[in-house]
PDB file of N, CA and C in Angstrom:
ATOM      1  N   MET A   1       8.596  17.538  10.710  1.00  0.00           N
ATOM      2  CA  MET A   1       8.958  16.207  11.162  1.00  0.00           C
ATOM      3  C   MET A   1       7.777  15.243  11.120  1.00  0.00           C
ATOM      4  N   GLU A   2       6.571  15.753  11.435  1.00  0.00           N
ATOM      5  CA  GLU A   2       5.400  14.871  11.451  1.00  0.00           C
ATOM      6  C   GLU A   2       5.141  14.287  10.064  1.00  0.00           C
ATOM      7  N   LYS A   3       5.278  15.117   9.034  1.00  0.00           N
ATOM      8  CA  LYS A   3       5.030  14.621   7.670  1.00  0.00           C
ATOM      9  C   LYS A   3       6.052  13.558   7.296  1.00  0.00           C
ATOM     10  N   ALA A   4       7.294  13.726   7.738  1.00  0.00           N
ATOM     11  CA  ALA A   4       8.326  12.722   7.453  1.00  0.00           C
ATOM     12  C   ALA A   4       7.964  11.402   8.124  1.00  0.00           C
ATOM     13  N   GLN A   5       7.503  11.468   9.354  1.00  0.00           N
ATOM     14  CA  GLN A   5       7.108  10.250  10.056  1.00  0.00           C
ATOM     15  C   GLN A   5       5.891   9.608   9.396  1.00  0.00           C
ATOM     16  N   ASN A   6       4.929  10.439   8.967  1.00  0.00           N
ATOM     17  CA  ASN A   6       3.756   9.918   8.256  1.00  0.00           C
ATOM     18  C   ASN A   6       4.188   9.186   6.992  1.00  0.00           C
ATOM     19  N   MET A   7       5.095   9.801   6.248  1.00  0.00           N
ATOM     20  CA  MET A   7       5.546   9.197   4.999  1.00  0.00           C
ATOM     21  C   MET A   7       6.228   7.858   5.274  1.00  0.00           C
ATOM     22  N   ASN A   8       7.099   7.833   6.265  1.00  0.00           N
ATOM     23  CA  ASN A   8       7.788   6.588   6.598  1.00  0.00           C
ATOM     24  C   ASN A   8       6.776   5.501   6.968  1.00  0.00           C
ATOM     25  N   THR A   9       5.803   5.862   7.779  1.00  0.00           N
ATOM     26  CA  THR A   9       4.768   4.914   8.200  1.00  0.00           C
ATOM     27  C   THR A   9       3.956   4.433   7.003  1.00  0.00           C
ATOM     28  N   ASN A  10       3.567   5.357   6.137  1.00  0.00           N
ATOM     29  CA  ASN A  10       2.755   5.000   4.968  1.00  0.00           C
ATOM     30  C   ASN A  10       3.519   4.116   3.987  1.00  0.00           C
ATOM     31  N   VAL A  11       4.801   4.400   3.783  1.00  0.00           N
ATOM     32  CA  VAL A  11       5.605   3.563   2.894  1.00  0.00           C
ATOM     33  C   VAL A  11       5.695   2.147   3.464  1.00  0.00           C
ATOM     34  N   LYS A  12       5.946   2.046   4.755  1.00  0.00           N
ATOM     35  CA  LYS A  12       6.033   0.719   5.383  1.00  0.00           C
ATOM     36  C   LYS A  12       4.699  -0.025   5.292  1.00  0.00           C
ATOM     37  N   MET A  13       3.598   0.711   5.435  1.00  0.00           N
ATOM     38  CA  MET A  13       2.270   0.101   5.346  1.00  0.00           C
ATOM     39  C   MET A  13       2.023  -0.438   3.929  1.00  0.00           C
ATOM     40  N   ILE A  14       2.397   0.336   2.927  1.00  0.00           N
ATOM     41  CA  ILE A  14       2.224  -0.109   1.544  1.00  0.00           C
ATOM     42  C   ILE A  14       3.096  -1.336   1.279  1.00  0.00           C
ATOM     43  N   LEU A  15       4.318  -1.305   1.772  1.00  0.00           N
ATOM     44  CA  LEU A  15       5.197  -2.463   1.594  1.00  0.00           C
ATOM     45  C   LEU A  15       4.582  -3.711   2.210  1.00  0.00           C
ATOM     46  N   LYS A  16       4.007  -3.547   3.374  1.00  0.00           N
ATOM     47  CA  LYS A  16       3.372  -4.685   4.036  1.00  0.00           C
ATOM     48  C   LYS A  16       2.213  -5.224   3.194  1.00  0.00           C
ATOM     49  N   GLN A  17       1.391  -4.319   2.659  1.00  0.00           N
ATOM     50  CA  GLN A  17       0.248  -4.730   1.839  1.00  0.00           C
ATOM     51  C   GLN A  17       0.695  -5.421   0.562  1.00  0.00           C
ATOM     52  N   LYS A  18       1.783  -4.934  -0.021  1.00  0.00           N
ATOM     53  CA  LYS A  18       2.286  -5.528  -1.260  1.00  0.00           C
ATOM     54  C   LYS A  18       3.134  -6.767  -0.983  1.00  0.00           C
ATOM     55  N   ARG A  19       3.387  -6.999   0.291  1.00  0.00           N
ATOM     56  CA  ARG A  19       4.271  -8.096   0.719  1.00  0.00           C
ATOM     57  C   ARG A  19       5.661  -7.937   0.113  1.00  0.00           C
ATOM     58  N   TRP A  20       6.127  -6.701   0.124  1.00  0.00           N
ATOM     59  CA  TRP A  20       7.468  -6.375  -0.328  1.00  0.00           C
ATOM     60  C   TRP A  20       8.340  -6.120   0.890  1.00  0.00           C
ATOM     61  N   SER A  21       9.602  -6.397   0.767  1.00  0.00           N
ATOM     62  CA  SER A  21      10.566  -6.035   1.801  1.00  0.00           C
ATOM     63  C   SER A  21      11.175  -4.682   1.430  1.00  0.00           C
ATOM     64  N   ILE A  22      11.843  -4.093   2.387  1.00  0.00           N
ATOM     65  CA  ILE A  22      12.559  -2.850   2.094  1.00  0.00           C
ATOM     66  C   ILE A  22      13.628  -3.133   1.050  1.00  0.00           C
ATOM     67  N   ARG A  23      14.233  -4.294   1.122  1.00  0.00           N
ATOM     68  CA  ARG A  23      15.252  -4.675   0.140  1.00  0.00           C
ATOM     69  C   ARG A  23      14.651  -4.715  -1.277  1.00  0.00           C
ATOM     70  N   GLN A  24      13.441  -5.262  -1.413  1.00  0.00           N
ATOM     71  CA  GLN A  24      12.805  -5.331  -2.738  1.00  0.00           C
ATOM     72  C   GLN A  24      12.514  -3.934  -3.275  1.00  0.00           C
ATOM     73  N   LEU A  25      12.021  -3.050  -2.406  1.00  0.00           N
ATOM     74  CA  LEU A  25      11.767  -1.675  -2.843  1.00  0.00           C
ATOM     75  C   LEU A  25      13.075  -1.004  -3.232  1.00  0.00           C
ATOM     76  N   ALA A  26      14.103  -1.198  -2.432  1.00  0.00           N
ATOM     77  CA  ALA A  26      15.409  -0.601  -2.728  1.00  0.00           C
ATOM     78  C   ALA A  26      15.930  -1.076  -4.082  1.00  0.00           C
ATOM     79  N   GLU A  27      15.754  -2.357  -4.382  1.00  0.00           N
ATOM     80  CA  GLU A  27      16.195  -2.885  -5.676  1.00  0.00           C
ATOM     81  C   GLU A  27      15.440  -2.216  -6.821  1.00  0.00           C
ATOM     82  N   LYS A  28      14.138  -2.024  -6.639  1.00  0.00           N
ATOM     83  CA  LYS A  28      13.332  -1.383  -7.691  1.00  0.00           C
ATOM     84  C   LYS A  28      13.756   0.076  -7.900  1.00  0.00           C
ATOM     85  N   LEU A  29      14.251   0.694  -6.819  1.00  0.00           N
ATOM     86  CA  LEU A  29      14.693   2.088  -6.889  1.00  0.00           C
ATOM     87  C   LEU A  29      16.182   2.208  -7.192  1.00  0.00           C
ATOM     88  N   ASP A  30      16.858   1.057  -7.313  1.00  0.00           N
ATOM     89  CA  ASP A  30      18.301   1.015  -7.541  1.00  0.00           C
ATOM     90  C   ASP A  30      19.056   1.768  -6.441  1.00  0.00           C
ATOM     91  N   LEU A  31      18.704   1.435  -5.191  1.00  0.00           N
ATOM     92  CA  LEU A  31      19.326   2.037  -4.012  1.00  0.00           C
ATOM     93  C   LEU A  31      19.885   0.941  -3.117  1.00  0.00           C
ATOM     94  N   PRO A  32      20.869   1.276  -2.296  1.00  0.00           N
ATOM     95  CA  PRO A  32      21.287   0.312  -1.286  1.00  0.00           C
ATOM     96  C   PRO A  32      20.161   0.126  -0.262  1.00  0.00           C
ATOM     97  N   ALA A  33      19.861  -1.103   0.069  1.00  0.00           N
ATOM     98  CA  ALA A  33      18.777  -1.376   1.024  1.00  0.00           C
ATOM     99  C   ALA A  33      19.063  -0.732   2.370  1.00  0.00           C
ATOM    100  N   SER A  34      20.317  -0.699   2.775  1.00  0.00           N
ATOM    101  CA  SER A  34      20.657  -0.116   4.079  1.00  0.00           C
ATOM    102  C   SER A  34      20.348   1.386   4.108  1.00  0.00           C
ATOM    103  N   SER A  35      20.581   2.074   2.996  1.00  0.00           N
ATOM    104  CA  SER A  35      20.281   3.517   2.934  1.00  0.00           C
ATOM    105  C   SER A  35      18.781   3.766   3.034  1.00  0.00           C
ATOM    106  N   LEU A  36      18.007   2.975   2.281  1.00  0.00           N
ATOM    107  CA  LEU A  36      16.549   3.129   2.327  1.00  0.00           C
ATOM    108  C   LEU A  36      16.026   2.801   3.718  1.00  0.00           C
ATOM    109  N   ASN A  37      16.523   1.744   4.309  1.00  0.00           N
ATOM    110  CA  ASN A  37      16.112   1.359   5.648  1.00  0.00           C
ATOM    111  C   ASN A  37      16.438   2.463   6.656  1.00  0.00           C
ATOM    112  N   ASP A  38      17.633   3.032   6.568  1.00  0.00           N
ATOM    113  CA  ASP A  38      18.022   4.122   7.472  1.00  0.00           C
ATOM    114  C   ASP A  38      17.098   5.322   7.307  1.00  0.00           C
ATOM    115  N   SER A  39      16.760   5.655   6.060  1.00  0.00           N
ATOM    116  CA  SER A  39      15.864   6.796   5.805  1.00  0.00           C
ATOM    117  C   SER A  39      14.473   6.550   6.376  1.00  0.00           C
ATOM    118  N   LEU A  40      13.988   5.312   6.254  1.00  0.00           N
ATOM    119  CA  LEU A  40      12.651   4.990   6.766  1.00  0.00           C
ATOM    120  C   LEU A  40      12.614   4.961   8.296  1.00  0.00           C
ATOM    121  N   LYS A  41      13.765   4.836   8.924  1.00  0.00           N
ATOM    122  CA  LYS A  41      13.831   4.864  10.392  1.00  0.00           C
ATOM    123  C   LYS A  41      14.114   6.269  10.921  1.00  0.00           C
ATOM    124  N   SER A  42      14.583   7.134  10.054  1.00  0.00           N
ATOM    125  CA  SER A  42      15.006   8.473  10.443  1.00  0.00           C
ATOM    126  C   SER A  42      13.818   9.396  10.711  1.00  0.00           C
ATOM    127  N   LYS A  43      13.992  10.301  11.665  1.00  0.00           N
ATOM    128  CA  LYS A  43      12.960  11.317  11.916  1.00  0.00           C
ATOM    129  C   LYS A  43      12.928  12.350  10.798  1.00  0.00           C
ATOM    130  N   LYS A  44      14.021  12.450  10.054  1.00  0.00           N
ATOM    131  CA  LYS A  44      14.083  13.380   8.929  1.00  0.00           C
ATOM    132  C   LYS A  44      13.303  12.854   7.736  1.00  0.00           C
ATOM    133  N   GLY A  45      13.121  11.546   7.668  1.00  0.00           N
ATOM    134  CA  GLY A  45      12.353  10.954   6.573  1.00  0.00           C
ATOM    135  C   GLY A  45      13.185  10.721   5.335  1.00  0.00           C
ATOM    136  N   LEU A  46      12.482  10.465   4.264  1.00  0.00           N
ATOM    137  CA  LEU A  46      13.117  10.146   2.983  1.00  0.00           C
ATOM    138  C   LEU A  46      13.620  11.404   2.287  1.00  0.00           C
ATOM    139  N   PRO A  47      14.743  11.304   1.590  1.00  0.00           N
ATOM    140  CA  PRO A  47      15.155  12.426   0.735  1.00  0.00           C
ATOM    141  C   PRO A  47      14.073  12.667  -0.315  1.00  0.00           C
ATOM    142  N   ILE A  48      13.876  13.912  -0.712  1.00  0.00           N
ATOM    143  CA  ILE A  48      12.764  14.269  -1.589  1.00  0.00           C
ATOM    144  C   ILE A  48      12.829  13.533  -2.925  1.00  0.00           C
ATOM    145  N   ASP A  49      14.025  13.333  -3.474  1.00  0.00           N
ATOM    146  CA  ASP A  49      14.113  12.638  -4.765  1.00  0.00           C
ATOM    147  C   ASP A  49      13.645  11.183  -4.634  1.00  0.00           C
ATOM    148  N   ILE A  50      13.952  10.548  -3.519  1.00  0.00           N
ATOM    149  CA  ILE A  50      13.508   9.171  -3.292  1.00  0.00           C
ATOM    150  C   ILE A  50      12.000   9.154  -3.020  1.00  0.00           C
ATOM    151  N   ALA A  51      11.523  10.115  -2.241  1.00  0.00           N
ATOM    152  CA  ALA A  51      10.085  10.204  -1.955  1.00  0.00           C
ATOM    153  C   ALA A  51       9.289  10.369  -3.245  1.00  0.00           C
ATOM    154  N   LEU A  52       9.788  11.188  -4.164  1.00  0.00           N
ATOM    155  CA  LEU A  52       9.111  11.387  -5.453  1.00  0.00           C
ATOM    156  C   LEU A  52       9.051  10.083  -6.248  1.00  0.00           C
ATOM    157  N   ARG A  53      10.138   9.343  -6.260  1.00  0.00           N
ATOM    158  CA  ARG A  53      10.170   8.080  -7.005  1.00  0.00           C
ATOM    159  C   ARG A  53       9.243   7.039  -6.386  1.00  0.00           C
ATOM    160  N   ILE A  54       9.212   6.995  -5.055  1.00  0.00           N
ATOM    161  CA  ILE A  54       8.325   6.041  -4.372  1.00  0.00           C
ATOM    162  C   ILE A  54       6.866   6.412  -4.631  1.00  0.00           C
ATOM    163  N   ALA A  55       6.544   7.697  -4.520  1.00  0.00           N
ATOM    164  CA  ALA A  55       5.172   8.137  -4.767  1.00  0.00           C
ATOM    165  C   ALA A  55       4.739   7.777  -6.188  1.00  0.00           C
ATOM    166  N   GLU A  56       5.620   8.009  -7.143  1.00  0.00           N
ATOM    167  CA  GLU A  56       5.299   7.663  -8.537  1.00  0.00           C
ATOM    168  C   GLU A  56       5.076   6.157  -8.679  1.00  0.00           C
ATOM    169  N   MET A  57       5.916   5.368  -8.032  1.00  0.00           N
ATOM    170  CA  MET A  57       5.796   3.915  -8.108  1.00  0.00           C
ATOM    171  C   MET A  57       4.463   3.439  -7.527  1.00  0.00           C
ATOM    172  N   PHE A  58       3.999   4.094  -6.460  1.00  0.00           N
ATOM    173  CA  PHE A  58       2.772   3.690  -5.795  1.00  0.00           C
ATOM    174  C   PHE A  58       1.539   4.428  -6.315  1.00  0.00           C
ATOM    175  N   GLY A  59       1.718   5.282  -7.312  1.00  0.00           N
ATOM    176  CA  GLY A  59       0.586   5.953  -7.939  1.00  0.00           C
ATOM    177  C   GLY A  59      -0.069   7.017  -7.078  1.00  0.00           C
ATOM    178  N   CYS A  60       0.741   7.746  -6.326  1.00  0.00           N
ATOM    179  CA  CYS A  60       0.200   8.821  -5.495  1.00  0.00           C
ATOM    180  C   CYS A  60       1.166   9.994  -5.536  1.00  0.00           C
ATOM    181  N   THR A  61       0.808  11.066  -4.862  1.00  0.00           N
ATOM    182  CA  THR A  61       1.699  12.220  -4.760  1.00  0.00           C
ATOM    183  C   THR A  61       2.501  12.120  -3.473  1.00  0.00           C
ATOM    184  N   VAL A  62       3.568  12.893  -3.396  1.00  0.00           N
ATOM    185  CA  VAL A  62       4.349  12.946  -2.162  1.00  0.00           C
ATOM    186  C   VAL A  62       3.479  13.493  -1.030  1.00  0.00           C
ATOM    187  N   GLU A  63       2.626  14.461  -1.360  1.00  0.00           N
ATOM    188  CA  GLU A  63       1.736  15.030  -0.345  1.00  0.00           C
ATOM    189  C   GLU A  63       0.801  13.968   0.220  1.00  0.00           C
ATOM    190  N   GLU A  64       0.267  13.123  -0.654  1.00  0.00           N
ATOM    191  CA  GLU A  64      -0.599  12.036  -0.187  1.00  0.00           C
ATOM    192  C   GLU A  64       0.184  11.046   0.662  1.00  0.00           C
ATOM    193  N   LEU A  65       1.387  10.744   0.228  1.00  0.00           N
ATOM    194  CA  LEU A  65       2.224   9.794   0.947  1.00  0.00           C
ATOM    195  C   LEU A  65       2.596  10.316   2.333  1.00  0.00           C
ATOM    196  N   ALA A  66       2.690  11.640   2.483  1.00  0.00           N
ATOM    197  CA  ALA A  66       3.048  12.251   3.764  1.00  0.00           C
ATOM    198  C   ALA A  66       1.828  12.577   4.624  1.00  0.00           C
ATOM    199  N   SER A  67       0.652  12.304   4.107  1.00  0.00           N
ATOM    200  CA  SER A  67      -0.583  12.635   4.811  1.00  0.00           C
ATOM    201  C   SER A  67      -0.805  11.713   6.009  1.00  0.00           C
ATOM    202  N   ASN A  68      -1.404  12.276   7.049  1.00  0.00           N
ATOM    203  CA  ASN A  68      -1.716  11.433   8.213  1.00  0.00           C
ATOM    204  C   ASN A  68      -3.035  10.695   8.024  1.00  0.00           C
ATOM    205  N   ASP A  69      -3.726  10.958   6.925  1.00  0.00           N
ATOM    206  CA  ASP A  69      -4.964  10.219   6.640  1.00  0.00           C
ATOM    207  C   ASP A  69      -4.860   9.516   5.283  1.00  0.00           C
ATOM    208  N   PHE A  70      -3.682   8.995   5.002  1.00  0.00           N
ATOM    209  CA  PHE A  70      -3.426   8.276   3.755  1.00  0.00           C
ATOM    210  C   PHE A  70      -4.380   7.095   3.648  1.00  0.00           C
ATOM    211  N   VAL A  71      -5.061   6.980   2.520  1.00  0.00           N
ATOM    212  CA  VAL A  71      -6.037   5.905   2.317  1.00  0.00           C
ATOM    213  C   VAL A  71      -5.311   4.694   1.763  1.00  0.00           C
ATOM    214  N   THR A  72      -5.516   3.574   2.418  1.00  0.00           N
ATOM    215  CA  THR A  72      -4.907   2.333   1.958  1.00  0.00           C
ATOM    216  C   THR A  72      -5.983   1.402   1.459  1.00  0.00           C
ATOM    217  N   GLN A  73      -5.553   0.337   0.879  1.00  0.00           N
ATOM    218  CA  GLN A  73      -6.478  -0.673   0.375  1.00  0.00           C
ATOM    219  C   GLN A  73      -7.415  -1.133   1.478  1.00  0.00           C
ATOM    220  N   GLU A  74      -6.913  -1.303   2.694  1.00  0.00           N
ATOM    221  CA  GLU A  74      -7.733  -1.808   3.785  1.00  0.00           C
ATOM    222  C   GLU A  74      -8.779  -0.797   4.242  1.00  0.00           C
ATOM    223  N   ASP A  75      -8.558   0.488   3.904  1.00  0.00           N
ATOM    224  CA  ASP A  75      -9.489   1.535   4.320  1.00  0.00           C
ATOM    225  C   ASP A  75     -10.667   1.710   3.373  1.00  0.00           C
ATOM    226  N   ILE A  76     -10.628   1.062   2.226  1.00  0.00           N
ATOM    227  CA  ILE A  76     -11.678   1.248   1.220  1.00  0.00           C
ATOM    228  C   ILE A  76     -12.934   0.512   1.674  1.00  0.00           C
ATOM    229  N   PRO A  77     -14.049   1.223   1.808  1.00  0.00           N
ATOM    230  CA  PRO A  77     -15.272   0.534   2.226  1.00  0.00           C
ATOM    231  C   PRO A  77     -15.753  -0.436   1.155  1.00  0.00           C
ATOM    232  N   LEU A  78     -16.382  -1.495   1.602  1.00  0.00           N
ATOM    233  CA  LEU A  78     -16.873  -2.496   0.658  1.00  0.00           C
ATOM    234  C   LEU A  78     -17.843  -1.894  -0.347  1.00  0.00           C
ATOM    235  N   SER A  79     -18.570  -0.871   0.050  1.00  0.00           N
ATOM    236  CA  SER A  79     -19.527  -0.250  -0.865  1.00  0.00           C
ATOM    237  C   SER A  79     -18.829   0.392  -2.065  1.00  0.00           C
ATOM    238  N   ALA A  80     -17.534   0.683  -1.942  1.00  0.00           N
ATOM    239  CA  ALA A  80     -16.799   1.309  -3.037  1.00  0.00           C
ATOM    240  C   ALA A  80     -16.230   0.291  -4.007  1.00  0.00           C
ATOM    241  N   ILE A  81     -16.273  -0.961  -3.638  1.00  0.00           N
ATOM    242  CA  ILE A  81     -15.717  -2.012  -4.494  1.00  0.00           C
ATOM    243  C   ILE A  81     -16.783  -2.484  -5.462  1.00  0.00           C
ATOM    244  N   GLN A  82     -16.450  -2.476  -6.743  1.00  0.00           N
ATOM    245  CA  GLN A  82     -17.412  -2.888  -7.755  1.00  0.00           C
ATOM    246  C   GLN A  82     -17.628  -4.396  -7.713  1.00  0.00           C
ATOM    247  N   VAL A  83     -18.727  -4.806  -8.279  1.00  0.00           N
ATOM    248  CA  VAL A  83     -19.056  -6.228  -8.335  1.00  0.00           C
ATOM    249  C   VAL A  83     -18.008  -6.946  -9.174  1.00  0.00           C
ATOM    250  N   LEU A  84     -17.509  -8.060  -8.660  1.00  0.00           N
ATOM    251  CA  LEU A  84     -16.470  -8.803  -9.356  1.00  0.00           C
ATOM    252  C   LEU A  84     -17.018  -9.912 -10.244  1.00  0.00           C
ATOM    253  N   ALA A  85     -18.226 -10.318  -9.999  1.00  0.00           N
ATOM    254  CA  ALA A  85     -18.813 -11.395 -10.796  1.00  0.00           C
ATOM    255  C   ALA A  85     -20.279 -11.076 -11.036  1.00  0.00           C
ATOM    256  N   ALA A  86     -20.776 -11.506 -12.186  1.00  0.00           N
ATOM    257  CA  ALA A  86     -22.166 -11.239 -12.512  1.00  0.00           C
ATOM    258  C   ALA A  86     -23.111 -12.083 -11.665  1.00  0.00           C
ATOM    259  N   HIS A  87     -22.641 -13.243 -11.240  1.00  0.00           N
ATOM    260  CA  HIS A  87     -23.496 -14.131 -10.463  1.00  0.00           C
ATOM    261  C   HIS A  87     -22.706 -14.660  -9.269  1.00  0.00           C
ATOM    262  N   ARG A  88     -23.297 -14.523  -8.114  1.00  0.00           N
ATOM    263  CA  ARG A  88     -22.684 -15.070  -6.907  1.00  0.00           C
ATOM    264  C   ARG A  88     -23.776 -15.767  -6.123  1.00  0.00           C
ATOM    265  N   PRO A  89     -23.665 -17.066  -5.949  1.00  0.00           N
ATOM    266  CA  PRO A  89     -24.685 -17.780  -5.196  1.00  0.00           C
ATOM    267  C   PRO A  89     -24.813 -17.218  -3.778  1.00  0.00           C
ATOM    268  N   ASN A  90     -25.845 -17.611  -3.126  1.00  0.00           N
ATOM    269  CA  ASN A  90     -26.096 -17.194  -1.763  1.00  0.00           C
ATOM    270  C   ASN A  90     -24.830 -17.337  -0.926  1.00  0.00           C
ATOM    271  N   SER A  91     -24.491 -16.313  -0.109  1.00  0.00           N
ATOM    272  CA  SER A  91     -23.246 -16.364   0.663  1.00  0.00           C
ATOM    273  C   SER A  91     -23.241 -17.528   1.644  1.00  0.00           C
ATOM    274  N   GLY A  92     -24.396 -18.106   1.934  1.00  0.00           N
ATOM    275  CA  GLY A  92     -24.460 -19.284   2.785  1.00  0.00           C
ATOM    276  C   GLY A  92     -23.845 -20.502   2.126  1.00  0.00           C
ATOM    277  N   ASP A  93     -23.582 -20.402   0.812  1.00  0.00           N
ATOM    278  CA  ASP A  93     -22.964 -21.503   0.081  1.00  0.00           C
ATOM    279  C   ASP A  93     -21.444 -21.538   0.258  1.00  0.00           C
ATOM    280  N   TYR A  94     -20.872 -20.528   0.940  1.00  0.00           N
ATOM    281  CA  TYR A  94     -19.439 -20.422   1.117  1.00  0.00           C
ATOM    282  C   TYR A  94     -19.062 -20.657   2.574  1.00  0.00           C
ATOM    283  N   THR A  95     -17.869 -21.208   2.777  1.00  0.00           N
ATOM    284  CA  THR A  95     -17.341 -21.328   4.137  1.00  0.00           C
ATOM    285  C   THR A  95     -16.763 -19.973   4.544  1.00  0.00           C
ATOM    286  N   GLU A  96     -16.489 -19.803   5.827  1.00  0.00           N
ATOM    287  CA  GLU A  96     -15.872 -18.558   6.299  1.00  0.00           C
ATOM    288  C   GLU A  96     -14.520 -18.333   5.615  1.00  0.00           C
ATOM    289  N   ASP A  97     -13.738 -19.398   5.467  1.00  0.00           N
ATOM    290  CA  ASP A  97     -12.436 -19.278   4.806  1.00  0.00           C
ATOM    291  C   ASP A  97     -12.594 -18.824   3.361  1.00  0.00           C
ATOM    292  N   GLU A  98     -13.570 -19.359   2.667  1.00  0.00           N
ATOM    293  CA  GLU A  98     -13.793 -18.961   1.278  1.00  0.00           C
ATOM    294  C   GLU A  98     -14.239 -17.503   1.200  1.00  0.00           C
ATOM    295  N   LEU A  99     -15.083 -17.078   2.109  1.00  0.00           N
ATOM    296  CA  LEU A  99     -15.514 -15.669   2.125  1.00  0.00           C
ATOM    297  C   LEU A  99     -14.321 -14.754   2.411  1.00  0.00           C
ATOM    298  N   ASP A 100     -13.432 -15.175   3.307  1.00  0.00           N
ATOM    299  CA  ASP A 100     -12.229 -14.387   3.586  1.00  0.00           C
ATOM    300  C   ASP A 100     -11.355 -14.283   2.336  1.00  0.00           C
ATOM    301  N   GLU A 101     -11.231 -15.380   1.606  1.00  0.00           N
ATOM    302  CA  GLU A 101     -10.446 -15.363   0.372  1.00  0.00           C
ATOM    303  C   GLU A 101     -11.063 -14.420  -0.655  1.00  0.00           C
ATOM    304  N   ILE A 102     -12.375 -14.402  -0.747  1.00  0.00           N
ATOM    305  CA  ILE A 102     -13.068 -13.495  -1.679  1.00  0.00           C
ATOM    306  C   ILE A 102     -12.784 -12.050  -1.290  1.00  0.00           C
ATOM    307  N   GLU A 103     -12.862 -11.749   0.004  1.00  0.00           N
ATOM    308  CA  GLU A 103     -12.579 -10.389   0.471  1.00  0.00           C
ATOM    309  C   GLU A 103     -11.134 -10.007   0.171  1.00  0.00           C
ATOM    310  N   ASP A 104     -10.202 -10.916   0.394  1.00  0.00           N
ATOM    311  CA  ASP A 104      -8.795 -10.650   0.103  1.00  0.00           C
ATOM    312  C   ASP A 104      -8.597 -10.379  -1.384  1.00  0.00           C
ATOM    313  N   PHE A 105      -9.298 -11.130  -2.231  1.00  0.00           N
ATOM    314  CA  PHE A 105      -9.183 -10.923  -3.662  1.00  0.00           C
ATOM    315  C   PHE A 105      -9.716  -9.541  -4.054  1.00  0.00           C
ATOM    316  N   LYS A 106     -10.828  -9.132  -3.471  1.00  0.00           N
ATOM    317  CA  LYS A 106     -11.375  -7.807  -3.782  1.00  0.00           C
ATOM    318  C   LYS A 106     -10.366  -6.727  -3.404  1.00  0.00           C
ATOM    319  N   LYS A 107      -9.719  -6.870  -2.262  1.00  0.00           N
ATOM    320  CA  LYS A 107      -8.707  -5.898  -1.840  1.00  0.00           C
ATOM    321  C   LYS A 107      -7.537  -5.884  -2.815  1.00  0.00           C
ATOM    322  N   PHE A 108      -7.120  -7.069  -3.258  1.00  0.00           N
ATOM    323  CA  PHE A 108      -6.032  -7.176  -4.214  1.00  0.00           C
ATOM    324  C   PHE A 108      -6.368  -6.434  -5.509  1.00  0.00           C
ATOM    325  N   VAL A 109      -7.576  -6.608  -6.007  1.00  0.00           N
ATOM    326  CA  VAL A 109      -7.998  -5.943  -7.246  1.00  0.00           C
ATOM    327  C   VAL A 109      -7.966  -4.429  -7.073  1.00  0.00           C
ATOM    328  N   MET A 110      -8.448  -3.948  -5.948  1.00  0.00           N
ATOM    329  CA  MET A 110      -8.450  -2.496  -5.705  1.00  0.00           C
ATOM    330  C   MET A 110      -7.020  -1.958  -5.615  1.00  0.00           C
ATOM    331  N   LEU A 111      -6.127  -2.691  -5.000  1.00  0.00           N
ATOM    332  CA  LEU A 111      -4.740  -2.249  -4.896  1.00  0.00           C
ATOM    333  C   LEU A 111      -4.096  -2.192  -6.276  1.00  0.00           C
ATOM    334  N   LYS A 112      -4.385  -3.147  -7.131  1.00  0.00           N
ATOM    335  CA  LYS A 112      -3.848  -3.143  -8.494  1.00  0.00           C
ATOM    336  C   LYS A 112      -4.331  -1.916  -9.265  1.00  0.00           C
ATOM    337  N   ARG A 113      -5.555  -1.503  -9.022  1.00  0.00           N
ATOM    338  CA  ARG A 113      -6.094  -0.326  -9.711  1.00  0.00           C
ATOM    339  C   ARG A 113      -5.314   0.921  -9.332  1.00  0.00           C
ATOM    340  N   LYS A 114      -4.870   0.993  -8.074  1.00  0.00           N
ATOM    341  CA  LYS A 114      -4.121   2.161  -7.608  1.00  0.00           C
ATOM    342  C   LYS A 114      -2.751   2.242  -8.258  1.00  0.00           C
ATOM    343  N   ASN A 115      -2.220   1.091  -8.646  1.00  0.00           N
ATOM    344  CA  ASN A 115      -0.870   1.068  -9.206  1.00  0.00           C
ATOM    345  C   ASN A 115      -0.995   1.115 -10.675  1.00  0.00           C
TER     346      ASN A 115
END
């Protein structure tokens, strides 16, 4: 049961990061949104055939998706992110909002690599 709950939590977390709704995921999987939603709320978790398709879509294994230490884009340390530009002026040249946007972009790039 714990792995099913982990998987449900991890799928919802990925959906949030991708800014997808359960309905959008269901459409991509050609499933009724209500069925997918019920499975994600269930203690039994996702049916294995659906879990396999979701894992493939997100570029991971079912085992990774069911893990309680699933690594997400937000968990990636900045030291693991490669340099995005050859030249970046002094960070004092940026506002806090601009620095936040740069960080968000780096996370976006890393998430795209996973998919």
